[in-house]
C-alpha cells in the first residue's frame, strides 16, 4: 500500500489494491470501522 497515495491524482479516479494476510485482516476491519468506510474484498 506504499504507493496508494499516488492513486487518483488530479481529480482522476483510480484503484488501489492491497494484499492482506489473515493476521492483518482484523486491523483492516478496525480501519474500516474507525474511518467509516468499507474496502471491497476480492477473492480468488
PDB file of N, CA and C in Angstrom:
ATOM      1  N   UNK A   1       0.819  -1.206   0.000  1.00  0.00           N
ATOM      2  CA  UNK A   1       0.000   0.000   0.000  1.00  0.00           C
ATOM      3  C   UNK A   1       0.855   1.257   0.000  1.00  0.00           C
ATOM      4  N   UNK A   2       2.133   1.122  -0.071  1.00  0.00           N
ATOM      5  CA  UNK A   2       3.032   2.273  -0.036  1.00  0.00           C
ATOM      6  C   UNK A   2       2.698   3.306  -1.102  1.00  0.00           C
ATOM      7  N   UNK A   3       2.309   2.887  -2.274  1.00  0.00           N
ATOM      8  CA  UNK A   3       2.055   3.825  -3.361  1.00  0.00           C
ATOM      9  C   UNK A   3       0.574   4.189  -3.514  1.00  0.00           C
ATOM     10  N   UNK A   4      -0.246   3.832  -2.580  1.00  0.00           N
ATOM     11  CA  UNK A   4      -1.671   4.156  -2.669  1.00  0.00           C
ATOM     12  C   UNK A   4      -1.907   5.655  -2.727  1.00  0.00           C
ATOM     13  N   UNK A   5      -1.052   6.427  -2.110  1.00  0.00           N
ATOM     14  CA  UNK A   5      -1.206   7.880  -2.117  1.00  0.00           C
ATOM     15  C   UNK A   5      -1.043   8.486  -3.502  1.00  0.00           C
ATOM     16  N   UNK A   6      -0.501   7.756  -4.444  1.00  0.00           N
ATOM     17  CA  UNK A   6      -0.312   8.256  -5.803  1.00  0.00           C
ATOM     18  C   UNK A   6      -1.480   7.853  -6.702  1.00  0.00           C
ATOM     19  N   UNK A   7      -2.508   7.270  -6.135  1.00  0.00           N
ATOM     20  CA  UNK A   7      -3.680   6.832  -6.886  1.00  0.00           C
ATOM     21  C   UNK A   7      -4.704   7.961  -6.939  1.00  0.00           C
ATOM     22  N   UNK A   8      -5.363   8.111  -8.072  1.00  0.00           N
ATOM     23  CA  UNK A   8      -6.461   9.077  -8.242  1.00  0.00           C
ATOM     24  C   UNK A   8      -5.995  10.517  -8.031  1.00  0.00           C
ATOM     25  N   UNK A   9      -4.961  10.894  -8.718  1.00  0.00           N
ATOM     26  CA  UNK A   9      -4.443  12.258  -8.608  1.00  0.00           C
ATOM     27  C   UNK A   9      -5.083  13.167  -9.651  1.00  0.00           C
ATOM     28  N   UNK A  10      -5.035  14.448  -9.398  1.00  0.00           N
ATOM     29  CA  UNK A  10      -5.528  15.480 -10.325  1.00  0.00           C
ATOM     30  C   UNK A  10      -6.993  15.263 -10.695  1.00  0.00           C
ATOM     31  N   UNK A  11      -7.805  14.844  -9.715  1.00  0.00           N
ATOM     32  CA  UNK A  11      -9.233  14.681  -9.938  1.00  0.00           C
ATOM     33  C   UNK A  11      -9.631  13.440 -10.709  1.00  0.00           C
ATOM     34  N   UNK A  12      -8.675  12.576 -10.993  1.00  0.00           N
ATOM     35  CA  UNK A  12      -8.975  11.360 -11.742  1.00  0.00           C
ATOM     36  C   UNK A  12      -9.281  10.215 -10.789  1.00  0.00           C
ATOM     37  N   UNK A  13     -10.057   9.249 -11.286  1.00  0.00           N
ATOM     38  CA  UNK A  13     -10.356   8.066 -10.488  1.00  0.00           C
ATOM     39  C   UNK A  13      -9.187   7.105 -10.545  1.00  0.00           C
ATOM     40  N   UNK A  14      -9.092   6.257  -9.534  1.00  0.00           N
ATOM     41  CA  UNK A  14      -8.028   5.270  -9.520  1.00  0.00           C
ATOM     42  C   UNK A  14      -8.398   4.081  -8.660  1.00  0.00           C
ATOM     43  N   UNK A  15      -7.591   3.065  -8.746  1.00  0.00           N
ATOM     44  CA  UNK A  15      -7.805   1.841  -7.979  1.00  0.00           C
ATOM     45  C   UNK A  15      -6.522   1.520  -7.232  1.00  0.00           C
ATOM     46  N   UNK A  16      -6.671   1.159  -5.981  1.00  0.00           N
ATOM     47  CA  UNK A  16      -5.534   0.734  -5.181  1.00  0.00           C
ATOM     48  C   UNK A  16      -5.841  -0.652  -4.640  1.00  0.00           C
ATOM     49  N   UNK A  17      -4.875  -1.543  -4.714  1.00  0.00           N
ATOM     50  CA  UNK A  17      -5.070  -2.906  -4.222  1.00  0.00           C
ATOM     51  C   UNK A  17      -4.049  -3.197  -3.128  1.00  0.00           C
ATOM     52  N   UNK A  18      -4.478  -3.956  -2.147  1.00  0.00           N
ATOM     53  CA  UNK A  18      -3.577  -4.374  -1.071  1.00  0.00           C
ATOM     54  C   UNK A  18      -3.783  -5.861  -0.822  1.00  0.00           C
ATOM     55  N   UNK A  19      -2.702  -6.552  -0.639  1.00  0.00           N
ATOM     56  CA  UNK A  19      -2.763  -7.964  -0.277  1.00  0.00           C
ATOM     57  C   UNK A  19      -2.690  -8.040   1.240  1.00  0.00           C
ATOM     58  N   UNK A  20      -3.696  -8.659   1.848  1.00  0.00           N
ATOM     59  CA  UNK A  20      -3.811  -8.687   3.302  1.00  0.00           C
ATOM     60  C   UNK A  20      -3.799 -10.132   3.777  1.00  0.00           C
ATOM     61  N   UNK A  21      -2.962 -10.411   4.738  1.00  0.00           N
ATOM     62  CA  UNK A  21      -2.912 -11.756   5.303  1.00  0.00           C
ATOM     63  C   UNK A  21      -4.031 -11.929   6.320  1.00  0.00           C
ATOM     64  N   UNK A  22      -4.294 -13.150   6.692  1.00  0.00           N
ATOM     65  CA  UNK A  22      -5.308 -13.425   7.713  1.00  0.00           C
ATOM     66  C   UNK A  22      -4.952 -12.708   9.013  1.00  0.00           C
ATOM     67  N   UNK A  23      -3.677 -12.615   9.303  1.00  0.00           N
ATOM     68  CA  UNK A  23      -3.206 -11.932  10.512  1.00  0.00           C
ATOM     69  C   UNK A  23      -3.543 -10.434  10.463  1.00  0.00           C
ATOM     70  N   UNK A  24      -3.485  -9.820   9.288  1.00  0.00           N
ATOM     71  CA  UNK A  24      -3.727  -8.382   9.130  1.00  0.00           C
ATOM     72  C   UNK A  24      -5.208  -8.035   8.968  1.00  0.00           C
ATOM     73  N   UNK A  25      -6.030  -9.021   8.707  1.00  0.00           N
ATOM     74  CA  UNK A  25      -7.448  -8.786   8.422  1.00  0.00           C
ATOM     75  C   UNK A  25      -8.153  -8.030   9.554  1.00  0.00           C
ATOM     76  N   UNK A  26      -7.884  -8.380  10.796  1.00  0.00           N
ATOM     77  CA  UNK A  26      -8.522  -7.707  11.938  1.00  0.00           C
ATOM     78  C   UNK A  26      -8.177  -6.222  11.947  1.00  0.00           C
ATOM     79  N   UNK A  27      -6.924  -5.892  11.683  1.00  0.00           N
ATOM     80  CA  UNK A  27      -6.506  -4.492  11.665  1.00  0.00           C
ATOM     81  C   UNK A  27      -7.227  -3.735  10.546  1.00  0.00           C
ATOM     82  N   UNK A  28      -7.374  -4.362   9.400  1.00  0.00           N
ATOM     83  CA  UNK A  28      -8.079  -3.742   8.287  1.00  0.00           C
ATOM     84  C   UNK A  28      -9.531  -3.454   8.667  1.00  0.00           C
ATOM     85  N   UNK A  29     -10.161  -4.384   9.344  1.00  0.00           N
ATOM     86  CA  UNK A  29     -11.541  -4.189   9.793  1.00  0.00           C
ATOM     87  C   UNK A  29     -11.626  -3.047  10.804  1.00  0.00           C
ATOM     88  N   UNK A  30     -10.619  -2.905  11.647  1.00  0.00           N
ATOM     89  CA  UNK A  30     -10.566  -1.785  12.595  1.00  0.00           C
ATOM     90  C   UNK A  30     -10.475  -0.452  11.851  1.00  0.00           C
ATOM     91  N   UNK A  31      -9.663  -0.403  10.787  1.00  0.00           N
ATOM     92  CA  UNK A  31      -9.549   0.813   9.978  1.00  0.00           C
ATOM     93  C   UNK A  31     -10.897   1.177   9.370  1.00  0.00           C
ATOM     94  N   UNK A  32     -11.599   0.195   8.840  1.00  0.00           N
ATOM     95  CA  UNK A  32     -12.909   0.442   8.240  1.00  0.00           C
ATOM     96  C   UNK A  32     -13.856   1.066   9.264  1.00  0.00           C
ATOM     97  N   UNK A  33     -13.888   0.501  10.438  1.00  0.00           N
ATOM     98  CA  UNK A  33     -14.789   0.995  11.482  1.00  0.00           C
ATOM     99  C   UNK A  33     -14.408   2.410  11.914  1.00  0.00           C
ATOM    100  N   UNK A  34     -13.129   2.638  12.132  1.00  0.00           N
ATOM    101  CA  UNK A  34     -12.652   3.944  12.580  1.00  0.00           C
ATOM    102  C   UNK A  34     -12.894   5.030  11.537  1.00  0.00           C
ATOM    103  N   UNK A  35     -12.644   4.715  10.280  1.00  0.00           N
ATOM    104  CA  UNK A  35     -12.770   5.695   9.202  1.00  0.00           C
ATOM    105  C   UNK A  35     -14.176   5.777   8.616  1.00  0.00           C
ATOM    106  N   UNK A  36     -15.049   4.834   8.992  1.00  0.00           N
ATOM    107  CA  UNK A  36     -16.415   4.825   8.479  1.00  0.00           C
ATOM    108  C   UNK A  36     -16.475   4.502   6.992  1.00  0.00           C
ATOM    109  N   UNK A  37     -15.587   3.627   6.549  1.00  0.00           N
ATOM    110  CA  UNK A  37     -15.531   3.235   5.142  1.00  0.00           C
ATOM    111  C   UNK A  37     -15.548   1.718   5.050  1.00  0.00           C
ATOM    112  N   UNK A  38     -15.668   1.215   3.830  1.00  0.00           N
ATOM    113  CA  UNK A  38     -15.549  -0.229   3.647  1.00  0.00           C
ATOM    114  C   UNK A  38     -14.686  -0.497   2.424  1.00  0.00           C
ATOM    115  N   UNK A  39     -13.865  -1.504   2.535  1.00  0.00           N
ATOM    116  CA  UNK A  39     -12.998  -1.915   1.446  1.00  0.00           C
ATOM    117  C   UNK A  39     -13.662  -3.057   0.694  1.00  0.00           C
ATOM    118  N   UNK A  40     -13.527  -3.052  -0.602  1.00  0.00           N
ATOM    119  CA  UNK A  40     -14.065  -4.137  -1.411  1.00  0.00           C
ATOM    120  C   UNK A  40     -13.136  -5.340  -1.309  1.00  0.00           C
ATOM    121  N   UNK A  41     -13.713  -6.485  -1.025  1.00  0.00           N
ATOM    122  CA  UNK A  41     -12.926  -7.717  -0.944  1.00  0.00           C
ATOM    123  C   UNK A  41     -12.985  -8.437  -2.276  1.00  0.00           C
ATOM    124  N   UNK A  42     -11.844  -8.842  -2.753  1.00  0.00           N
ATOM    125  CA  UNK A  42     -11.744  -9.622  -3.986  1.00  0.00           C
ATOM    126  C   UNK A  42     -11.048 -10.917  -3.626  1.00  0.00           C
ATOM    127  N   UNK A  43     -11.713 -12.015  -3.869  1.00  0.00           N
ATOM    128  CA  UNK A  43     -11.129 -13.317  -3.540  1.00  0.00           C
ATOM    129  C   UNK A  43     -10.948 -14.123  -4.803  1.00  0.00           C
ATOM    130  N   UNK A  44      -9.929 -14.924  -4.800  1.00  0.00           N
ATOM    131  CA  UNK A  44      -9.668 -15.773  -5.953  1.00  0.00           C
ATOM    132  C   UNK A  44     -10.552 -16.992  -5.915  1.00  0.00           C
TER     133      UNK A  44
END
